[in-house]
Amino acid sequence: MMMLQDGCIQLLCLTASSGVPLFTRGASKQLPFSVIGSLNGVHMFGGGQGVLLSSCETEGGGKVVWRVFHESVMLIAVSGGGSSGACSREEEIRLQRLLENVWHCMVLVLGQDELVNLRNVERLKRNLRSCFCLIDQLLEEKQQGVLGNLTHCADSLLPPNPTLLQEAVDGFAQAADSEFGCLFVHGKIAAATEKWWRLAPQEVVLLSALVRTLSASGSASCDYPVFLPQGSPTVAHRLLRFQLLPGADVCVLCGPTPSLHRAESELVGQLWSPLVETLRSCLSVGERSLPGSVPLRPDVLALLLINRETRRSVSCVQLSSYHLLSDHSLSKSRCWELLKLFYIFSMSRYFTHEETLCVSAEDGAQGGHTEDFLHGFSHQPQQCYLVTEECKSYGLQTPRHQLFLLMLPSVPTLALRTVATQTLSDIISATAF
């Protein structure tokens, strides 16, 4: 079987009943049609024998993962071997999460009815093109600073003046006859209304990805119909998005009113013009996602902090001259990749108390990816660490937070816990996150 280059991922979408290809995305060199047919055929053959084929490995170290949604659409993810140090377990988890995200992305844009009730395959092929930009963003493995596609927690930025921005978002949503409003800074959520946070975590993540895609188009405003995959998969809402400053966007989910013109001409200027300097100070936070009042030790390379109650997260990579002069300097992209891998490593083996990195029970999917030695124990691990040649990693779980930290190899192993607990305390005390 012909496989992809190392680290490449190709996504295949077919009709579940007949195996008609709907689209392929991902790797520049597509798999031959004969291979696509074989991947569909082996899955159908297994189904006919009462066997559910969910994943397999190839001789070259690649991975193939299948998933059927609502007995209507089949998604197949194919990856080449050597995915930046990810082992088979981590790679399968990542691909399963990808398929789940892609399906909900399709529902977000087209609605569930059009995907489940296949009446005209050719028309569906054309309509699915409107999902490609969003799907391509999900496939972008080197996307830095965005982990929500993996964690299903909203990527957030903690602004220096949260109260002013929160009041502005609440007021703007109310003026737009909506209870769902959100301010994005550098593609991350800086403030949102209470009802926005009550959306399903995966909906918040996909709406954030959609706003990043719309912002990248360069338009100053847009009126975009969206379906909420869990809250409203068959009835569309309007997503109104406005660029306040380059890198800062505000949006609301609303009904038939107000019109895009009225919201842009009357509401945006009136409510947001007085806050231009506040927005600029928020933009200055940048990729760090944390205000300057939060100190980070110089030996910390990267961190991911999750609020388990609100399903929000903040993440950053910290590379300074101190790191570059060390014997084990890492690039920024490699730090993000290692952070993702350590998150999957920890969640698949230890921190499985709540939302684990496994396929949901929908459509008869399989169970979780928990180490065998955890079964039968009544307690839940609260801390873990990993030592490699590139860095030292530490995971810390409390009733409210999960912290994943990458540190320089020079940090003594016995000091990892102290550094992690101090970092968590510093962030919480400065931001109340």
Protein backbone atom coordinates (compact mmCIF):
# COMPACT_ATOMS: atom_id res chain seq x y z
CA MET A 1 0.00 0.00 0.00
CA MET A 2 1.35 3.41 -0.96
CA MET A 3 1.77 5.63 2.08
CA LEU A 4 2.39 9.33 2.64
CA GLN A 5 5.60 11.07 3.56
CA ASP A 6 6.56 11.12 7.24
CA GLY A 7 4.39 13.48 9.28
CA CYS A 8 1.84 14.06 6.48
CA ILE A 9 -1.88 13.53 7.01
CA GLN A 10 -4.51 13.01 4.34
CA LEU A 11 -8.22 13.19 5.06
CA LEU A 12 -10.72 11.25 2.96
CA CYS A 13 -14.48 11.77 3.00
CA LEU A 14 -16.83 9.23 1.36
CA THR A 15 -20.46 8.25 1.46
CA ALA A 16 -20.85 5.44 3.99
CA SER A 17 -23.27 3.34 1.95
CA SER A 18 -21.64 3.33 -1.49
CA GLY A 19 -18.12 4.64 -0.87
CA VAL A 20 -18.45 7.56 -3.34
CA PRO A 21 -15.57 10.02 -2.67
CA LEU A 22 -16.80 13.44 -1.55
CA PHE A 23 -13.44 15.17 -1.04
CA THR A 24 -9.83 14.69 -0.02
CA ARG A 25 -7.74 17.22 1.91
CA GLY A 26 -4.29 17.32 3.43
CA ALA A 27 -1.08 16.02 1.91
CA SER A 28 -0.14 17.57 -1.44
CA LYS A 29 0.43 14.14 -3.00
CA GLN A 30 -2.93 12.42 -2.89
CA LEU A 31 -3.40 8.70 -2.47
CA PRO A 32 -4.32 6.84 -5.68
CA PHE A 33 -8.00 6.08 -6.23
CA SER A 34 -7.25 2.37 -5.97
CA VAL A 35 -5.88 2.86 -2.44
CA ILE A 36 -8.89 4.94 -1.45
CA GLY A 37 -11.15 2.19 -2.77
CA SER A 38 -9.21 -0.43 -0.81
CA LEU A 39 -9.49 1.57 2.42
CA ASN A 40 -13.24 1.83 1.95
CA GLY A 41 -13.56 -1.80 0.86
CA VAL A 42 -11.76 -3.31 3.84
CA HIS A 43 -13.95 -1.32 6.22
CA MET A 44 -17.13 -2.43 4.43
CA PHE A 45 -15.92 -6.04 4.42
CA GLY A 46 -15.31 -5.92 8.17
CA GLY A 47 -18.77 -4.46 8.73
CA GLY A 48 -20.31 -7.29 6.73
CA GLN A 49 -18.59 -9.77 9.06
CA GLY A 50 -19.77 -7.98 12.19
CA VAL A 51 -16.36 -6.40 12.83
CA LEU A 52 -15.91 -2.68 13.46
CA LEU A 53 -12.57 -1.60 11.98
CA SER A 54 -11.44 1.60 13.66
CA SER A 55 -7.68 1.78 13.05
CA CYS A 56 -4.64 -0.07 11.79
CA GLU A 57 -0.91 0.42 11.33
CA THR A 58 1.05 0.06 8.09
CA GLU A 59 4.41 -1.59 7.53
CA GLY A 60 6.00 1.81 7.10
CA GLY A 61 4.88 3.01 10.54
CA GLY A 62 1.87 4.95 9.26
CA LYS A 63 -1.62 4.96 10.72
CA VAL A 64 -5.12 4.65 9.23
CA VAL A 65 -8.22 5.59 11.23
CA TRP A 66 -11.85 5.14 10.12
CA ARG A 67 -15.02 6.71 11.51
CA VAL A 68 -18.63 6.56 10.25
CA PHE A 69 -21.06 9.27 11.30
CA HIS A 70 -24.82 8.68 11.38
CA GLU A 71 -24.42 5.81 8.89
CA SER A 72 -24.12 8.50 6.24
CA VAL A 73 -20.58 9.85 5.94
CA MET A 74 -17.29 8.00 6.38
CA LEU A 75 -14.13 9.90 7.28
CA ILE A 76 -10.71 8.28 6.95
CA ALA A 77 -7.46 9.79 8.22
CA VAL A 78 -4.17 8.44 6.82
CA SER A 79 -0.85 9.52 8.28
CA GLY A 80 2.72 8.80 7.28
CA GLY A 81 5.17 7.39 9.80
CA GLY A 82 7.54 9.32 12.04
CA SER A 83 5.16 12.00 13.29
CA SER A 84 7.63 14.07 15.30
CA GLY A 85 8.20 11.44 17.95
CA ALA A 86 4.57 10.45 18.45
CA CYS A 87 4.08 6.77 19.23
CA SER A 88 1.23 4.69 17.84
CA ARG A 89 -1.08 5.47 20.75
CA GLU A 90 -0.59 9.25 20.53
CA GLU A 91 -0.99 9.22 16.75
CA GLU A 92 -4.27 7.31 16.88
CA ILE A 93 -5.70 9.64 19.51
CA ARG A 94 -4.73 12.66 17.45
CA LEU A 95 -6.33 11.25 14.29
CA GLN A 96 -9.51 10.20 16.09
CA ARG A 97 -9.87 13.71 17.49
CA LEU A 98 -9.26 15.12 14.00
CA LEU A 99 -12.09 13.06 12.48
CA GLU A 100 -14.44 14.12 15.24
CA ASN A 101 -13.56 17.79 14.68
CA VAL A 102 -13.95 17.54 10.90
CA TRP A 103 -17.42 16.04 11.19
CA HIS A 104 -18.58 18.79 13.55
CA CYS A 105 -16.98 21.36 11.26
CA MET A 106 -19.10 20.05 8.39
CA VAL A 107 -22.21 20.24 10.58
CA LEU A 108 -21.26 23.78 11.66
CA VAL A 109 -21.17 25.01 8.07
CA LEU A 110 -23.80 22.88 6.29
CA GLY A 111 -26.10 21.59 9.01
CA GLN A 112 -26.74 17.98 9.98
CA ASP A 113 -29.75 17.41 7.70
CA GLU A 114 -27.79 17.93 4.49
CA LEU A 115 -25.11 15.47 5.63
CA VAL A 116 -27.41 12.77 6.98
CA ASN A 117 -30.11 12.84 4.30
CA LEU A 118 -28.03 12.34 1.14
CA ARG A 119 -30.32 13.17 -1.76
CA ASN A 120 -27.91 14.64 -4.29
CA VAL A 121 -24.25 13.60 -3.96
CA GLU A 122 -22.98 16.04 -6.59
CA ARG A 123 -24.64 18.99 -4.88
CA LEU A 124 -23.19 17.90 -1.55
CA LYS A 125 -19.72 17.78 -3.11
CA ARG A 126 -20.11 21.40 -4.24
CA ASN A 127 -21.46 22.56 -0.89
CA LEU A 128 -18.67 20.87 1.02
CA ARG A 129 -16.16 23.20 -0.65
CA SER A 130 -17.30 25.91 1.77
CA CYS A 131 -15.83 23.79 4.59
CA PHE A 132 -12.37 23.44 3.06
CA CYS A 133 -10.72 26.50 4.64
CA LEU A 134 -11.87 25.42 8.08
CA ILE A 135 -10.91 21.78 7.53
CA ASP A 136 -7.48 22.82 6.25
CA GLN A 137 -6.99 24.81 9.46
CA LEU A 138 -7.78 21.68 11.49
CA LEU A 139 -5.24 19.74 9.42
CA GLU A 140 -2.49 22.30 9.90
CA GLU A 141 -0.19 20.47 12.31
CA LYS A 142 2.28 23.35 12.53
CA GLN A 143 -0.35 25.84 13.65
CA GLN A 144 1.24 27.54 16.65
CA GLY A 145 -0.53 28.80 19.73
CA VAL A 146 -3.81 27.00 19.01
CA LEU A 147 -4.44 23.80 20.97
CA GLY A 148 -8.24 23.83 21.24
CA ASN A 149 -8.61 21.43 18.31
CA LEU A 150 -6.81 18.87 20.48
CA THR A 151 -7.95 19.77 24.00
CA HIS A 152 -11.54 20.87 23.23
CA CYS A 153 -10.89 23.81 25.53
CA ALA A 154 -11.24 27.37 24.28
CA ASP A 155 -7.87 28.97 23.47
CA SER A 156 -7.90 32.13 25.56
CA LEU A 157 -5.85 35.29 26.02
CA LEU A 158 -5.86 36.93 29.45
CA PRO A 159 -6.02 40.73 28.91
CA PRO A 160 -4.53 43.36 31.24
CA ASN A 161 -7.97 45.05 31.67
CA PRO A 162 -10.52 42.22 31.66
CA THR A 163 -13.33 44.14 33.37
CA LEU A 164 -13.55 46.88 30.72
CA LEU A 165 -13.56 44.38 27.88
CA GLN A 166 -16.14 42.14 29.59
CA GLU A 167 -18.51 45.08 30.04
CA ALA A 168 -18.03 46.07 26.41
CA VAL A 169 -18.77 42.56 25.10
CA ASP A 170 -21.88 42.28 27.29
CA GLY A 171 -23.11 45.68 26.13
CA PHE A 172 -22.44 44.98 22.47
CA ALA A 173 -24.27 41.64 22.58
CA GLN A 174 -27.25 43.22 24.31
CA ALA A 175 -27.38 46.04 21.75
CA ALA A 176 -27.37 43.40 18.99
CA ASP A 177 -30.35 41.57 20.57
CA SER A 178 -28.13 38.63 21.45
CA GLU A 179 -26.91 36.82 24.54
CA PHE A 180 -23.94 35.31 22.68
CA GLY A 181 -21.00 37.67 22.17
CA CYS A 182 -17.25 37.19 22.06
CA LEU A 183 -14.07 39.25 21.61
CA PHE A 184 -11.14 37.59 19.85
CA VAL A 185 -7.59 38.89 20.09
CA HIS A 186 -4.96 37.19 17.94
CA GLY A 187 -7.53 34.45 17.28
CA LYS A 188 -8.00 33.70 20.98
CA ILE A 189 -10.91 34.56 23.26
CA ALA A 190 -10.23 37.63 25.41
CA ALA A 191 -13.79 38.09 26.72
CA ALA A 192 -17.20 36.50 26.13
CA THR A 193 -20.72 36.63 27.48
CA GLU A 194 -21.95 34.06 29.99
CA LYS A 195 -24.15 32.36 27.38
CA TRP A 196 -21.19 32.03 24.98
CA TRP A 197 -19.34 30.05 27.64
CA ARG A 198 -22.42 27.85 28.08
CA LEU A 199 -22.09 26.56 24.52
CA ALA A 200 -20.63 23.08 24.25
CA PRO A 201 -16.81 23.26 24.53
CA GLN A 202 -16.35 21.82 21.04
CA GLU A 203 -18.74 24.44 19.62
CA VAL A 204 -16.70 27.22 21.22
CA VAL A 205 -13.50 25.75 19.74
CA LEU A 206 -14.98 25.41 16.23
CA LEU A 207 -16.50 28.91 16.31
CA SER A 208 -13.07 30.23 17.28
CA ALA A 209 -11.52 28.39 14.33
CA LEU A 210 -14.20 29.79 12.02
CA VAL A 211 -13.57 33.35 13.23
CA ARG A 212 -9.84 32.91 12.57
CA THR A 213 -10.64 31.71 9.06
CA LEU A 214 -12.98 34.63 8.39
CA SER A 215 -10.44 37.10 9.78
CA ALA A 216 -7.76 35.71 7.49
CA SER A 217 -9.97 36.52 4.49
CA GLY A 218 -9.28 40.21 5.08
CA SER A 219 -12.91 41.37 5.22
CA ALA A 220 -13.82 44.03 7.77
CA SER A 221 -17.17 42.39 8.55
CA CYS A 222 -19.33 39.44 7.55
CA ASP A 223 -22.70 37.80 8.14
CA TYR A 224 -22.21 34.02 8.18
CA PRO A 225 -24.83 31.30 8.81
CA VAL A 226 -23.75 28.62 11.29
CA PHE A 227 -25.27 25.51 12.83
CA LEU A 228 -24.31 24.53 16.37
CA PRO A 229 -23.31 20.83 16.16
CA GLN A 230 -24.78 20.02 19.57
CA GLY A 231 -27.10 22.89 20.42
CA SER A 232 -28.75 23.50 17.04
CA PRO A 233 -27.53 21.08 14.33
CA THR A 234 -30.56 21.61 12.05
CA VAL A 235 -31.44 25.31 12.53
CA ALA A 236 -28.98 27.99 11.46
CA HIS A 237 -27.96 31.07 13.43
CA ARG A 238 -26.27 34.21 12.13
CA LEU A 239 -22.66 34.87 13.10
CA LEU A 240 -21.89 38.57 12.75
CA ARG A 241 -18.17 39.35 12.84
CA PHE A 242 -16.50 42.77 12.87
CA GLN A 243 -12.83 43.72 12.81
CA LEU A 244 -12.17 46.35 15.48
CA LEU A 245 -8.42 46.57 14.92
CA PRO A 246 -6.01 44.32 13.00
CA GLY A 247 -5.90 41.24 15.19
CA ALA A 248 -9.02 42.12 17.22
CA ASP A 249 -12.49 40.90 16.20
CA VAL A 250 -15.86 40.94 17.93
CA CYS A 251 -18.74 38.68 16.98
CA VAL A 252 -22.26 37.78 18.07
CA LEU A 253 -24.63 34.89 17.40
CA CYS A 254 -28.06 36.28 16.67
CA GLY A 255 -31.36 35.84 14.84
CA PRO A 256 -32.84 37.87 11.95
CA THR A 257 -31.97 41.22 13.56
CA PRO A 258 -29.97 43.40 13.52
CA SER A 259 -28.85 43.75 9.93
CA LEU A 260 -25.12 43.65 9.25
CA HIS A 261 -25.22 47.27 8.05
CA ARG A 262 -26.98 48.55 11.16
CA ALA A 263 -24.70 46.67 13.53
CA GLU A 264 -21.59 47.92 11.72
CA SER A 265 -22.64 51.52 11.21
CA GLU A 266 -24.37 52.15 14.55
CA LEU A 267 -23.26 49.68 17.21
CA VAL A 268 -19.59 48.98 16.52
CA GLY A 269 -18.39 52.57 16.48
CA GLN A 270 -20.59 53.66 19.35
CA LEU A 271 -19.55 50.91 21.75
CA TRP A 272 -15.96 50.15 20.76
CA SER A 273 -14.42 53.49 19.70
CA PRO A 274 -13.87 54.59 23.34
CA LEU A 275 -11.92 51.36 23.97
CA VAL A 276 -9.30 51.62 21.23
CA GLU A 277 -6.40 52.05 23.67
CA THR A 278 -7.69 49.21 25.83
CA LEU A 279 -7.78 46.98 22.76
CA ARG A 280 -4.23 47.98 21.83
CA SER A 281 -2.96 47.08 25.27
CA CYS A 282 -4.70 43.73 24.88
CA LEU A 283 -3.08 43.20 21.48
CA SER A 284 0.32 43.92 23.04
CA VAL A 285 0.01 40.72 25.11
CA GLY A 286 0.69 38.88 21.85
CA GLU A 287 1.52 35.19 21.63
CA ARG A 288 2.33 35.03 25.31
CA SER A 289 -1.43 35.05 26.09
CA LEU A 290 -0.59 36.15 29.64
CA PRO A 291 -0.38 39.75 30.89
CA GLY A 292 2.97 41.19 31.93
CA SER A 293 1.96 40.90 35.58
CA VAL A 294 2.46 37.11 35.36
CA PRO A 295 6.11 36.16 35.94
CA LEU A 296 7.48 33.02 34.27
CA ARG A 297 10.72 31.39 35.29
CA PRO A 298 13.45 31.63 32.63
CA ASP A 299 13.87 27.84 32.56
CA VAL A 300 10.24 27.34 31.47
CA LEU A 301 10.02 26.60 27.74
CA ALA A 302 6.26 26.23 27.25
CA LEU A 303 3.06 25.78 29.21
CA LEU A 304 -0.56 24.82 28.78
CA LEU A 305 -2.97 25.68 31.59
CA ILE A 306 -6.56 24.38 31.48
CA ASN A 307 -9.42 25.51 33.68
CA ARG A 308 -11.40 22.28 34.06
CA GLU A 309 -14.56 24.07 35.22
CA THR A 310 -14.87 26.59 32.36
CA ARG A 311 -13.06 24.47 29.70
CA ARG A 312 -10.77 27.40 28.89
CA SER A 313 -7.03 27.21 28.30
CA VAL A 314 -4.03 29.49 27.98
CA SER A 315 -0.79 28.40 26.37
CA CYS A 316 2.49 29.96 25.39
CA VAL A 317 6.05 29.21 24.32
CA GLN A 318 8.79 31.25 25.94
CA LEU A 319 12.06 31.45 24.03
CA SER A 320 14.63 33.99 25.17
CA SER A 321 18.35 34.48 24.81
CA TYR A 322 18.65 32.34 27.96
CA HIS A 323 17.18 29.39 26.08
CA LEU A 324 19.05 30.01 22.85
CA LEU A 325 22.39 30.00 24.69
CA SER A 326 21.64 26.68 26.38
CA ASP A 327 23.02 23.39 25.13
CA HIS A 328 19.53 22.14 24.19
CA SER A 329 17.95 25.03 22.30
CA LEU A 330 14.62 24.21 20.61
CA SER A 331 12.72 26.05 17.91
CA LYS A 332 9.35 27.55 18.69
CA SER A 333 7.52 25.10 16.43
CA ARG A 334 9.25 22.15 18.11
CA CYS A 335 8.22 23.43 21.54
CA TRP A 336 4.58 23.59 20.44
CA GLU A 337 4.83 20.07 19.05
CA LEU A 338 6.38 18.72 22.26
CA LEU A 339 3.70 20.44 24.31
CA LYS A 340 0.96 18.74 22.27
CA LEU A 341 2.65 15.37 22.57
CA PHE A 342 3.07 15.70 26.33
CA TYR A 343 -0.60 16.69 26.68
CA ILE A 344 -1.69 13.58 24.77
CA PHE A 345 0.78 11.44 26.72
CA SER A 346 -0.59 12.66 30.06
CA MET A 347 -4.28 12.57 29.15
CA SER A 348 -4.13 9.12 27.58
CA ARG A 349 -2.30 7.55 30.50
CA TYR A 350 -2.95 9.45 33.69
CA PHE A 351 -5.31 12.44 33.73
CA THR A 352 -8.46 10.63 32.58
CA HIS A 353 -10.88 11.81 35.27
CA GLU A 354 -13.07 13.94 33.00
CA GLU A 355 -13.00 14.50 29.25
CA THR A 356 -10.42 12.03 28.00
CA LEU A 357 -8.81 11.93 24.62
CA CYS A 358 -10.94 9.18 23.19
CA VAL A 359 -13.68 8.88 20.66
CA SER A 360 -17.13 9.59 22.07
CA ALA A 361 -19.74 6.91 22.39
CA GLU A 362 -21.70 8.38 19.46
CA ASP A 363 -22.16 6.03 16.52
CA GLY A 364 -21.00 3.01 18.51
CA ALA A 365 -17.40 4.14 18.78
CA GLN A 366 -14.81 2.46 20.91
CA GLY A 367 -13.83 3.24 24.46
CA GLY A 368 -10.85 5.11 25.85
CA HIS A 369 -7.10 4.84 25.61
CA THR A 370 -6.16 4.26 29.23
CA GLU A 371 -3.12 2.30 30.34
CA ASP A 372 -4.04 -1.18 31.62
CA PHE A 373 -2.28 -0.63 34.93
CA LEU A 374 -4.74 2.15 35.83
CA HIS A 375 -7.74 -0.17 35.68
CA GLY A 376 -8.75 -1.54 39.05
CA PHE A 377 -7.29 1.35 41.07
CA SER A 378 -9.65 3.64 42.93
CA HIS A 379 -7.32 6.64 42.95
CA GLN A 380 -6.56 9.03 40.12
CA PRO A 381 -2.98 10.20 39.38
CA GLN A 382 -2.55 13.89 40.09
CA GLN A 383 0.98 14.45 38.79
CA CYS A 384 3.29 12.98 36.18
CA TYR A 385 6.61 13.83 34.58
CA LEU A 386 8.64 12.82 31.55
CA VAL A 387 12.36 13.23 30.98
CA THR A 388 13.79 13.24 27.44
CA GLU A 389 16.93 14.52 25.79
CA GLU A 390 15.11 17.62 24.49
CA CYS A 391 13.32 18.77 27.64
CA LYS A 392 11.74 17.80 30.95
CA SER A 393 7.95 17.86 31.19
CA TYR A 394 5.66 17.95 34.21
CA GLY A 395 1.91 17.55 34.46
CA LEU A 396 -0.10 18.70 37.45
CA GLN A 397 -3.82 18.17 38.07
CA THR A 398 -5.96 19.84 40.75
CA PRO A 399 -9.75 19.80 41.15
CA ARG A 400 -9.92 23.00 39.08
CA HIS A 401 -6.83 23.08 36.86
CA GLN A 402 -4.50 21.02 34.70
CA LEU A 403 -1.02 22.37 34.02
CA PHE A 404 1.38 20.95 31.43
CA LEU A 405 4.88 22.41 31.61
CA LEU A 406 7.99 22.02 29.44
CA MET A 407 11.31 22.93 31.05
CA LEU A 408 14.98 22.94 30.12
CA PRO A 409 16.83 19.63 30.60
CA SER A 410 19.14 21.43 33.06
CA VAL A 411 16.32 21.76 35.63
CA PRO A 412 16.90 19.13 38.36
CA THR A 413 14.26 16.41 38.21
CA LEU A 414 13.58 16.83 41.93
CA ALA A 415 12.71 20.50 41.30
CA LEU A 416 10.10 19.88 38.60
CA ARG A 417 7.19 19.70 41.03
CA THR A 418 8.26 22.91 42.78
CA VAL A 419 8.53 24.79 39.49
CA ALA A 420 5.11 23.54 38.35
CA THR A 421 3.27 24.38 41.57
CA GLN A 422 4.90 27.82 41.73
CA THR A 423 4.01 28.56 38.11
CA LEU A 424 0.38 27.56 38.70
CA SER A 425 0.20 29.71 41.83
CA ASP A 426 1.73 32.74 40.06
CA ILE A 427 -0.75 32.60 37.16
CA ILE A 428 -3.83 32.09 39.33
CA SER A 429 -2.91 34.81 41.84
CA ALA A 430 -2.25 37.35 39.07
CA THR A 431 -5.23 36.57 36.82
CA ALA A 432 -7.80 34.58 38.86
CA PHE A 433 -7.97 32.20 35.86
